[in-house]
Amino acid sequence: MATINPVPYQMISGRKDGELIIEIRNQEFAGIDQQEGRVEIAIENCLFNKVEIINKEKIDFKDISIAFFGCYIGELKIEQVISSNIHVSAYGSVLSGKIESDKLLGVELNNCLLNDNVFFINIRKIRITYTKENIKLSRWKALLKSLTGSNYRTLINGKQAYYIHDSKQLDFSSNFSSQKRKLLRLNLFIKYNKDVSDLSTSVANVQLDSLSISGSPNGKIGIESTKINKWYIYDFFPKGTVSFYNIEPEAKAVDTKIGIHQCNLDNTWFDNVSFVENPVILTILIRCKLTSLS
């Protein structure tokens, strides 16, 4: 497995690696001034079967951004992080993998496709967005052309599953048109740990094939203006306010349902939520408290 030690502000471009370790070390940052508005470690137009980012020491630098642009990452692994000033992002890329670290400043994905699924565990701040302003068609054409046996339709029609466990802050949103939102089969699984002081969860203007929420969140949760075909609320005991607003399934969706199992929903509001198109399954109803249904 090859290893590289990137130097700030030196672009990494056009690499094709089976497996690659990217090690962030203090010595590459020594004597380099921060350049506001620039990405410290930019990686573009690369193809990787597996990438592992590791950091074994604190980095004496204000903030360190690691960003992938137009890349394919068969498996992304980030677990060993010591420095608390590192932020990881991907734009217009295809990826899957697992990121688990409470040291990372945050993780951001914009206009990315998943090669099945990605796991985020103990991440302070997660931002996942689909925005019409940042679609780079030329970059996407080049990326898809480089993927043998793959094409645009195969990727977008595949399962796109986000598993988010014990995040402090989540923002999941889109400003795509309703027609474009239909193209992606997004699935979102959120699990909260009562011992993690989560701050907020926001899901807005997206279309989800399925949504699953469980655990004991402490912060505020807002899910609004979203089409959800199948959603499951189970073992859910929120301490903060939870609101579902303007929720309905996709028009003409065949498989739709709402399942609620072993919950206390005293602080949960359902406003303008369609229960007509979705068969509602209430399991062990005596342990569920529902208020403010509209």
Protein backbone atom coordinates (compact mmCIF):
# COMPACT_ATOMS: atom_id res chain seq x y z
CA MET A 1 0.00 0.00 0.00
CA ALA A 2 1.50 3.34 -1.09
CA THR A 3 1.80 6.21 1.40
CA ILE A 4 1.95 9.92 0.69
CA ASN A 5 2.57 12.86 3.03
CA PRO A 6 0.86 15.83 1.35
CA VAL A 7 2.35 19.30 1.49
CA PRO A 8 -0.15 22.16 1.95
CA TYR A 9 -1.31 23.96 -1.19
CA GLN A 10 0.29 21.46 -3.57
CA MET A 11 -2.47 19.90 -5.65
CA ILE A 12 -2.68 16.11 -5.91
CA SER A 13 -4.17 15.30 -9.32
CA GLY A 14 -4.75 12.39 -11.67
CA ARG A 15 -3.58 9.58 -9.40
CA LYS A 16 -4.78 6.01 -9.93
CA ASP A 17 -4.01 3.87 -6.91
CA GLY A 18 -5.24 0.50 -5.76
CA GLU A 19 -4.75 1.37 -2.10
CA LEU A 20 -3.34 4.59 -0.69
CA ILE A 21 -2.55 5.91 2.78
CA ILE A 22 -2.63 9.68 3.18
CA GLU A 23 -0.72 10.55 6.35
CA ILE A 24 -1.04 14.08 7.70
CA ARG A 25 2.17 15.01 9.51
CA ASN A 26 3.35 18.13 11.30
CA GLN A 27 6.63 18.39 9.42
CA GLU A 28 4.94 19.13 6.06
CA PHE A 29 3.16 22.12 7.63
CA ALA A 30 6.21 23.58 9.36
CA GLY A 31 7.04 27.09 8.16
CA ILE A 32 3.95 27.39 5.93
CA ASP A 33 1.52 30.27 6.46
CA GLN A 34 -2.22 29.74 6.34
CA GLN A 35 -3.78 30.95 3.08
CA GLU A 36 -7.34 32.00 3.82
CA GLY A 37 -9.91 30.73 1.32
CA ARG A 38 -7.71 27.94 -0.03
CA VAL A 39 -7.94 24.22 0.60
CA GLU A 40 -4.81 22.98 2.32
CA ILE A 41 -4.88 19.50 0.77
CA ALA A 42 -6.78 19.33 -2.53
CA ILE A 43 -7.13 16.03 -4.36
CA GLU A 44 -8.77 16.08 -7.80
CA ASN A 45 -9.60 13.71 -10.65
CA CYS A 46 -8.19 10.65 -8.90
CA LEU A 47 -9.29 7.01 -8.82
CA PHE A 48 -8.72 4.97 -5.67
CA ASN A 49 -9.86 1.49 -4.72
CA LYS A 50 -9.17 2.36 -1.08
CA VAL A 51 -7.98 5.46 0.74
CA GLU A 52 -7.07 5.63 4.40
CA ILE A 53 -6.38 9.01 6.00
CA ILE A 54 -4.34 8.83 9.18
CA ASN A 55 -2.96 11.46 11.55
CA LYS A 56 -0.75 10.36 14.44
CA GLU A 57 0.21 13.74 15.90
CA LYS A 58 -1.16 17.19 16.59
CA ILE A 59 -0.63 19.59 13.69
CA ASP A 60 0.51 23.11 14.53
CA PHE A 61 -1.77 24.86 12.02
CA LYS A 62 -4.99 26.82 12.35
CA ASP A 63 -7.30 24.71 10.19
CA ILE A 64 -6.60 21.89 7.75
CA SER A 65 -9.04 21.12 4.95
CA ILE A 66 -8.73 17.87 3.02
CA ALA A 67 -10.98 17.98 -0.05
CA PHE A 68 -11.65 15.52 -2.88
CA PHE A 69 -12.90 16.94 -6.19
CA GLY A 70 -14.22 14.66 -8.94
CA CYS A 71 -12.70 11.52 -7.40
CA TYR A 72 -13.72 7.89 -7.16
CA ILE A 73 -13.01 6.26 -3.77
CA GLY A 74 -14.06 2.62 -3.55
CA GLU A 75 -13.52 2.63 0.21
CA LEU A 76 -12.69 5.61 2.38
CA LYS A 77 -11.43 4.88 5.87
CA ILE A 78 -10.76 7.51 8.52
CA GLU A 79 -10.37 6.35 12.11
CA GLN A 80 -6.94 7.33 13.39
CA VAL A 81 -6.98 11.10 13.95
CA ILE A 82 -5.18 12.94 16.75
CA SER A 83 -5.26 16.60 15.70
CA SER A 84 -8.57 18.41 16.25
CA ASN A 85 -8.24 20.94 13.42
CA ILE A 86 -8.88 18.68 10.40
CA HIS A 87 -11.93 18.91 8.16
CA VAL A 88 -12.68 16.39 5.39
CA SER A 89 -14.92 17.05 2.39
CA ALA A 90 -15.79 15.66 -1.04
CA TYR A 91 -17.37 17.45 -3.99
CA GLY A 92 -18.80 15.81 -7.11
CA SER A 93 -17.25 12.48 -6.18
CA VAL A 94 -18.25 8.83 -5.87
CA LEU A 95 -17.40 7.12 -2.60
CA SER A 96 -18.26 4.66 0.12
CA GLY A 97 -16.64 3.77 3.41
CA LYS A 98 -16.48 4.62 7.10
CA ILE A 99 -15.43 7.75 8.95
CA GLU A 100 -15.22 7.44 12.72
CA SER A 101 -13.54 10.13 14.82
CA ASP A 102 -14.62 12.62 17.44
CA LYS A 103 -11.49 14.66 16.69
CA LEU A 104 -12.46 15.78 13.19
CA LEU A 105 -13.79 19.32 12.90
CA GLY A 106 -16.39 18.02 10.49
CA VAL A 107 -17.25 16.20 7.29
CA GLU A 108 -18.97 17.66 4.24
CA LEU A 109 -20.29 15.98 1.09
CA ASN A 110 -21.69 18.04 -1.77
CA ASN A 111 -23.27 16.52 -4.88
CA CYS A 112 -21.70 13.15 -4.24
CA LEU A 113 -22.92 9.70 -5.23
CA LEU A 114 -22.48 6.73 -2.95
CA ASN A 115 -21.25 3.38 -4.14
CA ASP A 116 -23.80 1.71 -1.83
CA ASN A 117 -23.24 3.27 1.62
CA VAL A 118 -21.18 5.41 3.96
CA PHE A 119 -20.95 5.36 7.77
CA PHE A 120 -20.34 8.45 9.91
CA ILE A 121 -19.69 7.67 13.57
CA ASN A 122 -18.94 10.16 16.38
CA ILE A 123 -18.48 13.06 13.97
CA ARG A 124 -18.91 16.54 15.44
CA LYS A 125 -20.48 18.16 12.39
CA ILE A 126 -21.83 16.58 9.22
CA ARG A 127 -23.12 18.50 6.20
CA ILE A 128 -24.59 16.62 3.24
CA THR A 129 -26.00 18.73 0.43
CA TYR A 130 -27.23 18.44 -3.13
CA THR A 131 -27.04 21.86 -4.78
CA LYS A 132 -27.74 22.88 -8.36
CA GLU A 133 -25.12 25.65 -8.23
CA ASN A 134 -22.15 23.30 -7.84
CA ILE A 135 -22.81 20.66 -10.47
CA LYS A 136 -19.71 20.47 -12.67
CA LEU A 137 -20.87 18.54 -15.75
CA SER A 138 -17.44 18.39 -17.38
CA ARG A 139 -15.94 16.93 -14.21
CA TRP A 140 -18.72 14.35 -13.89
CA LYS A 141 -18.36 13.30 -17.54
CA ALA A 142 -14.62 12.82 -17.08
CA LEU A 143 -15.12 10.85 -13.86
CA LEU A 144 -17.81 8.55 -15.24
CA LYS A 145 -15.86 7.97 -18.43
CA SER A 146 -12.90 6.79 -16.37
CA LEU A 147 -14.97 4.22 -14.44
CA THR A 148 -14.87 0.97 -16.39
CA GLY A 149 -18.28 -0.68 -16.61
CA SER A 150 -20.02 2.14 -14.76
CA ASN A 151 -22.29 4.89 -15.92
CA TYR A 152 -24.42 7.68 -14.60
CA ARG A 153 -27.67 5.70 -14.52
CA THR A 154 -26.12 2.71 -12.78
CA LEU A 155 -24.82 4.92 -9.99
CA ILE A 156 -27.89 7.05 -9.37
CA ASN A 157 -30.27 4.09 -9.53
CA GLY A 158 -28.24 2.21 -6.94
CA LYS A 159 -28.80 2.38 -3.20
CA GLN A 160 -27.49 5.56 -1.58
CA ALA A 161 -27.44 4.87 2.16
CA TYR A 162 -26.13 7.21 4.85
CA TYR A 163 -25.64 5.70 8.31
CA ILE A 164 -25.11 8.40 10.93
CA HIS A 165 -24.38 7.41 14.52
CA ASP A 166 -23.86 9.83 17.42
CA SER A 167 -23.27 12.99 15.43
CA LYS A 168 -23.45 16.28 17.29
CA GLN A 169 -24.75 18.29 14.36
CA LEU A 170 -26.30 17.12 11.07
CA ASP A 171 -27.45 19.19 8.11
CA PHE A 172 -28.93 17.17 5.24
CA SER A 173 -30.52 19.28 2.51
CA SER A 174 -31.06 19.94 -1.19
CA ASN A 175 -32.15 22.76 -3.47
CA PHE A 176 -32.61 20.48 -6.47
CA SER A 177 -35.92 20.63 -8.30
CA SER A 178 -38.45 17.97 -7.31
CA GLN A 179 -37.82 16.23 -10.62
CA LYS A 180 -34.09 15.93 -10.00
CA ARG A 181 -34.60 14.83 -6.39
CA LYS A 182 -36.50 11.82 -7.73
CA LEU A 183 -33.39 10.55 -9.49
CA LEU A 184 -31.56 9.60 -6.30
CA ARG A 185 -32.57 6.68 -4.07
CA LEU A 186 -31.46 8.26 -0.82
CA ASN A 187 -31.76 6.37 2.46
CA LEU A 188 -30.95 7.95 5.82
CA PHE A 189 -30.38 6.04 9.07
CA ILE A 190 -29.81 8.13 12.19
CA LYS A 191 -28.97 6.71 15.60
CA TYR A 192 -28.46 8.73 18.78
CA ASN A 193 -26.61 7.85 21.95
CA LYS A 194 -27.98 9.39 25.15
CA ASP A 195 -24.42 9.98 26.34
CA VAL A 196 -23.55 12.13 23.31
CA SER A 197 -24.52 15.80 23.65
CA ASP A 198 -25.96 16.24 20.17
CA LEU A 199 -26.97 19.81 19.28
CA SER A 200 -29.20 19.67 16.22
CA THR A 201 -30.41 17.59 13.30
CA SER A 202 -31.90 19.23 10.21
CA VAL A 203 -33.28 17.40 7.17
CA ALA A 204 -34.93 19.59 4.56
CA ASN A 205 -36.12 19.55 0.94
CA VAL A 206 -34.88 16.08 0.09
CA GLN A 207 -36.52 12.91 -1.16
CA LEU A 208 -35.84 9.76 0.84
CA ASP A 209 -36.66 6.22 -0.08
CA SER A 210 -36.39 5.46 3.63
CA LEU A 211 -35.72 7.25 6.92
CA SER A 212 -34.88 5.50 10.17
CA ILE A 213 -34.49 7.27 13.53
CA SER A 214 -33.64 5.66 16.86
CA GLY A 215 -31.99 6.42 20.17
CA SER A 216 -32.14 9.19 22.77
CA PRO A 217 -31.25 12.55 21.23
CA ASN A 218 -30.66 15.57 23.45
CA GLY A 219 -30.82 18.31 20.81
CA LYS A 220 -33.42 19.73 18.47
CA ILE A 221 -34.56 17.70 15.46
CA GLY A 222 -36.36 19.21 12.47
CA ILE A 223 -37.43 17.27 9.38
CA GLU A 224 -39.40 19.34 6.90
CA SER A 225 -40.60 19.65 3.30
CA THR A 226 -39.35 16.16 2.56
CA LYS A 227 -40.84 13.22 0.67
CA ILE A 228 -40.36 9.96 2.55
CA ASN A 229 -41.64 6.63 1.26
CA LYS A 230 -40.80 4.47 4.25
CA TRP A 231 -39.97 5.77 7.69
CA TYR A 232 -39.30 4.00 10.91
CA ILE A 233 -39.18 5.47 14.41
CA TYR A 234 -38.12 2.91 16.99
CA ASP A 235 -36.61 2.85 20.48
CA PHE A 236 -36.81 6.62 20.27
CA PHE A 237 -36.81 8.72 23.45
CA PRO A 238 -35.98 12.35 22.59
CA LYS A 239 -35.22 14.86 25.31
CA GLY A 240 -35.39 17.88 23.02
CA THR A 241 -38.04 19.03 20.56
CA VAL A 242 -38.72 16.97 17.44
CA SER A 243 -40.80 18.26 14.54
CA PHE A 244 -41.98 16.64 11.32
CA TYR A 245 -43.43 19.24 8.97
CA ASN A 246 -44.82 18.93 5.45
CA ILE A 247 -43.99 15.24 4.98
CA GLU A 248 -45.52 12.96 2.37
CA PRO A 249 -44.46 10.01 0.22
CA GLU A 250 -43.39 10.29 -3.38
CA ALA A 251 -46.34 10.48 -5.77
CA LYS A 252 -47.29 7.03 -7.06
CA ALA A 253 -44.78 5.31 -4.77
CA VAL A 254 -45.67 1.63 -4.46
CA ASP A 255 -43.98 0.67 -1.20
CA THR A 256 -44.87 3.18 1.53
CA LYS A 257 -45.20 2.75 5.28
CA ILE A 258 -44.65 4.37 8.66
CA GLY A 259 -43.52 2.20 11.55
CA ILE A 260 -43.45 3.42 15.17
CA HIS A 261 -42.12 1.01 17.78
CA GLN A 262 -41.39 1.54 21.50
CA CYS A 263 -41.19 5.34 21.62
CA ASN A 264 -42.01 8.27 23.83
CA LEU A 265 -43.09 11.08 21.51
CA ASP A 266 -44.26 13.62 24.11
CA ASN A 267 -42.03 16.33 22.63
CA THR A 268 -42.71 15.38 19.01
CA TRP A 269 -44.88 17.40 16.63
CA PHE A 270 -46.41 16.11 13.40
CA ASP A 271 -47.68 19.00 11.29
CA ASN A 272 -49.01 18.58 7.75
CA VAL A 273 -47.83 14.98 7.69
CA SER A 274 -49.64 12.60 5.34
CA PHE A 275 -50.76 9.44 7.08
CA VAL A 276 -53.29 8.64 4.37
CA GLU A 277 -50.91 7.38 1.70
CA ASN A 278 -48.75 5.55 4.26
CA PRO A 279 -50.04 2.57 6.20
CA VAL A 280 -49.11 3.27 9.81
CA ILE A 281 -47.75 0.44 11.91
CA LEU A 282 -47.83 1.12 15.65
CA THR A 283 -46.10 -1.64 17.59
CA ILE A 284 -46.56 -1.80 21.37
CA LEU A 285 -48.76 1.28 21.20
CA ILE A 286 -49.00 1.53 24.97
CA ARG A 287 -45.37 2.65 25.10
CA CYS A 288 -45.84 5.29 22.42
CA LYS A 289 -47.19 8.75 23.17
CA LEU A 290 -48.21 10.80 20.17
CA THR A 291 -49.18 14.44 20.46
CA SER A 292 -49.94 17.26 18.07
CA LEU A 293 -50.76 15.24 14.96
CA SER A 294 -52.15 17.29 12.10
